[in-house]
């Protein structure tokens, strides 16, 4: 069974991570998850519910056969976690939302927590590694960090939602970004709106 890692940092945009986890769960894959303390704080601030509540909802919703979704949580301080090693194979790693502090740490090779370590593992192993920053505007320092990470093999996928599908809710708007993430992971959502697909 395919397994993917989702890392949540303290940038704004908690909805993106929650919608991604839900979309992956619906495909029946194994989801590994780690979340920084500030990531958990942002989820609570932006959704008025803690991460545990949302994980419970996602697990209950289940996979394609309605069996409980498999979401395995790892403490951001636990360097003994399997996701800290390249010998633990993943089909892809996503950091969403990705803070600029995390971008800087990854670009410099610094590993202060499990998210940084998991990112460095994805780079060295060469599997799909997607960074979803939401910051704007961007400083020259941040742009140089993006270039370094792109050259190292990461995909820089800014949380820039599209509007041509005429989304009717904030969830549908967030899904325009989530669907781009799924595309890059190689697990596209058949329900995703495709520009001019009907023409």
Protein backbone atom coordinates (compact mmCIF):
# COMPACT_ATOMS: atom_id res chain seq x y z
CA UNK A 1 0.00 0.00 0.00
CA UNK A 2 1.30 3.47 -0.86
CA UNK A 3 2.24 5.74 2.01
CA UNK A 4 2.70 9.49 2.09
CA UNK A 5 4.01 11.91 4.70
CA UNK A 6 2.24 15.19 5.44
CA UNK A 7 4.09 17.73 7.60
CA UNK A 8 2.29 20.76 9.04
CA UNK A 9 4.19 23.86 10.15
CA UNK A 10 3.10 27.12 11.76
CA UNK A 11 2.31 29.10 8.62
CA UNK A 12 -1.25 30.25 8.00
CA UNK A 13 -3.30 27.95 5.80
CA UNK A 14 -4.30 25.04 8.04
CA UNK A 15 -7.19 24.22 5.74
CA UNK A 16 -4.79 23.14 3.01
CA UNK A 17 -3.22 20.45 5.18
CA UNK A 18 -6.54 19.17 6.51
CA UNK A 19 -8.06 18.96 3.01
CA UNK A 20 -4.95 17.16 1.73
CA UNK A 21 -5.02 14.58 4.52
CA UNK A 22 -8.73 14.01 3.88
CA UNK A 23 -8.18 13.60 0.13
CA UNK A 24 -5.34 11.12 0.65
CA UNK A 25 -7.40 9.17 3.19
CA UNK A 26 -10.22 8.88 0.67
CA UNK A 27 -7.79 7.14 -1.69
CA UNK A 28 -7.02 4.44 0.87
CA UNK A 29 -3.32 5.17 1.23
CA UNK A 30 -1.38 5.17 4.50
CA UNK A 31 -0.79 8.68 5.78
CA UNK A 32 2.06 9.53 8.09
CA UNK A 33 1.72 12.90 9.79
CA UNK A 34 3.79 15.23 11.90
CA UNK A 35 2.85 18.71 13.05
CA UNK A 36 4.90 21.36 14.81
CA UNK A 37 3.57 22.94 18.00
CA UNK A 38 2.92 26.16 16.10
CA UNK A 39 1.23 24.21 13.33
CA UNK A 40 -1.16 22.79 15.91
CA UNK A 41 -1.70 26.27 17.30
CA UNK A 42 -2.57 27.66 13.86
CA UNK A 43 -5.04 24.82 13.24
CA UNK A 44 -6.79 25.67 16.50
CA UNK A 45 -6.77 29.41 15.74
CA UNK A 46 -8.01 29.10 12.16
CA UNK A 47 -10.55 26.28 12.55
CA UNK A 48 -11.50 26.63 16.24
CA UNK A 49 -10.90 22.89 16.62
CA UNK A 50 -7.69 21.04 17.62
CA UNK A 51 -5.81 18.76 15.25
CA UNK A 52 -7.03 15.68 17.15
CA UNK A 53 -10.63 16.57 16.36
CA UNK A 54 -9.94 16.76 12.64
CA UNK A 55 -7.95 13.53 12.61
CA UNK A 56 -10.84 11.80 14.36
CA UNK A 57 -13.23 13.08 11.69
CA UNK A 58 -10.92 11.97 8.87
CA UNK A 59 -10.40 8.52 10.38
CA UNK A 60 -14.15 8.11 10.86
CA UNK A 61 -14.91 9.16 7.28
CA UNK A 62 -12.73 6.27 6.16
CA UNK A 63 -11.18 5.25 2.89
CA UNK A 64 -12.75 4.17 -0.40
CA UNK A 65 -14.16 0.97 1.11
CA UNK A 66 -15.39 2.84 4.21
CA UNK A 67 -12.82 1.17 6.43
CA UNK A 68 -11.14 3.53 8.94
CA UNK A 69 -8.56 5.79 7.31
CA UNK A 70 -4.96 5.01 8.31
CA UNK A 71 -3.32 8.13 9.74
CA UNK A 72 -0.18 7.60 11.82
CA UNK A 73 0.97 10.55 13.90
CA UNK A 74 4.63 11.22 14.81
CA UNK A 75 5.79 13.75 17.42
CA UNK A 76 7.81 16.57 15.82
CA UNK A 77 10.55 16.00 18.41
CA UNK A 78 10.85 12.24 17.89
CA UNK A 79 13.99 11.61 15.84
CA UNK A 80 13.57 7.86 16.45
CA UNK A 81 10.45 7.93 14.27
CA UNK A 82 10.63 5.75 11.14
CA UNK A 83 10.10 8.81 8.92
CA UNK A 84 13.49 10.10 10.09
CA UNK A 85 15.22 7.43 7.99
CA UNK A 86 15.48 6.95 4.26
CA UNK A 87 15.23 3.20 4.79
CA UNK A 88 11.56 3.80 5.61
CA UNK A 89 10.24 4.21 2.08
CA UNK A 90 7.62 6.80 1.24
CA UNK A 91 5.84 7.58 -2.02
CA UNK A 92 6.05 11.29 -1.33
CA UNK A 93 6.46 13.99 1.31
CA UNK A 94 4.51 17.25 1.50
CA UNK A 95 5.06 20.16 3.88
CA UNK A 96 1.81 22.11 3.90
CA UNK A 97 1.56 24.86 4.86
CA UNK A 98 5.31 25.40 4.82
CA UNK A 99 6.65 28.25 6.93
CA UNK A 100 9.56 30.38 5.72
CA UNK A 101 11.52 29.26 8.78
CA UNK A 102 11.17 25.68 7.56
CA UNK A 103 12.20 26.73 4.04
CA UNK A 104 15.33 28.38 5.47
CA UNK A 105 16.22 25.37 7.61
CA UNK A 106 15.82 22.95 4.70
CA UNK A 107 17.86 25.13 2.37
CA UNK A 108 20.69 25.34 4.90
CA UNK A 109 20.61 21.64 5.80
CA UNK A 110 19.67 22.35 9.42
CA UNK A 111 17.57 19.74 11.25
CA UNK A 112 16.05 21.15 14.43
CA UNK A 113 12.96 18.94 14.39
CA UNK A 114 11.45 15.90 12.70
CA UNK A 115 9.91 17.98 9.91
CA UNK A 116 13.34 19.29 8.91
CA UNK A 117 14.78 15.78 9.10
CA UNK A 118 11.96 14.29 7.03
CA UNK A 119 12.48 16.99 4.43
CA UNK A 120 16.20 16.31 4.21
CA UNK A 121 15.44 12.60 3.85
CA UNK A 122 13.07 13.30 0.95
CA UNK A 123 15.76 15.36 -0.77
CA UNK A 124 18.51 12.79 -0.36
CA UNK A 125 16.27 9.89 -1.38
CA UNK A 126 14.86 11.73 -4.37
CA UNK A 127 11.20 10.88 -3.93
CA UNK A 128 8.48 13.49 -4.58
CA UNK A 129 8.95 16.36 -2.15
CA UNK A 130 6.49 19.24 -2.26
CA UNK A 131 6.75 22.48 -0.31
CA UNK A 132 3.61 24.63 -0.08
CA UNK A 133 4.54 28.11 1.17
CA UNK A 134 1.87 30.74 1.73
CA UNK A 135 4.05 33.76 2.55
CA UNK A 136 3.77 36.96 0.50
CA UNK A 137 5.60 39.10 -0.46
CA UNK A 138 8.89 37.20 -0.65
CA UNK A 139 12.27 38.56 0.36
CA UNK A 140 15.41 37.97 -1.69
CA UNK A 141 16.61 35.58 1.04
CA UNK A 142 13.45 33.49 0.65
CA UNK A 143 13.72 33.49 -3.14
CA UNK A 144 17.31 32.26 -2.95
CA UNK A 145 16.21 29.51 -0.55
CA UNK A 146 13.51 28.47 -3.03
CA UNK A 147 16.10 28.26 -5.81
CA UNK A 148 18.42 26.14 -3.65
CA UNK A 149 15.61 23.73 -2.78
CA UNK A 150 14.36 23.55 -6.37
CA UNK A 151 17.89 22.74 -7.54
CA UNK A 152 18.06 20.02 -4.87
CA UNK A 153 14.91 18.38 -6.23
CA UNK A 154 11.99 19.90 -4.31
CA UNK A 155 8.79 21.13 -5.91
CA UNK A 156 7.88 24.66 -4.81
CA UNK A 157 4.08 24.83 -5.00
CA UNK A 158 2.83 28.13 -3.54
CA UNK A 159 -0.61 28.08 -1.97
CA UNK A 160 -2.07 30.14 -4.81
CA UNK A 161 -5.66 29.07 -5.37
CA UNK A 162 -7.26 29.33 -8.82
CA UNK A 163 -10.67 30.80 -9.58
CA UNK A 164 -11.56 29.57 -13.08
CA UNK A 165 -13.51 26.64 -11.61
CA UNK A 166 -15.73 29.20 -9.86
CA UNK A 167 -15.39 27.72 -6.33
CA UNK A 168 -18.45 28.28 -4.17
CA UNK A 169 -16.84 27.74 -0.76
CA UNK A 170 -13.53 28.25 0.97
CA UNK A 171 -13.10 24.46 0.97
CA UNK A 172 -13.52 24.31 -2.81
CA UNK A 173 -11.05 27.17 -3.16
CA UNK A 174 -8.49 25.36 -1.01
CA UNK A 175 -9.03 22.22 -3.04
CA UNK A 176 -7.73 23.97 -6.16
CA UNK A 177 -4.32 23.92 -4.43
CA UNK A 178 -4.80 20.47 -2.92
CA UNK A 179 -5.57 19.04 -6.36
CA UNK A 180 -2.29 20.43 -7.70
CA UNK A 181 -0.48 18.70 -4.82
CA UNK A 182 -2.24 15.42 -5.60
CA UNK A 183 -1.26 15.77 -9.26
CA UNK A 184 2.42 16.15 -8.34
CA UNK A 185 2.20 13.14 -6.02
CA UNK A 186 0.81 11.07 -8.86
CA UNK A 187 -2.55 10.43 -7.19
CA UNK A 188 -4.85 12.87 -9.01
CA UNK A 189 -8.43 13.43 -7.92
CA UNK A 190 -10.81 12.47 -10.74
CA UNK A 191 -13.21 15.16 -9.54
CA UNK A 192 -10.69 17.98 -9.99
CA UNK A 193 -11.69 20.71 -12.40
CA UNK A 194 -9.43 20.79 -15.46
CA UNK A 195 -9.19 23.94 -17.56
CA UNK A 196 -11.09 23.60 -20.86
CA UNK A 197 -11.31 19.83 -20.36
CA UNK A 198 -14.78 19.65 -21.90
CA UNK A 199 -13.70 21.52 -25.06
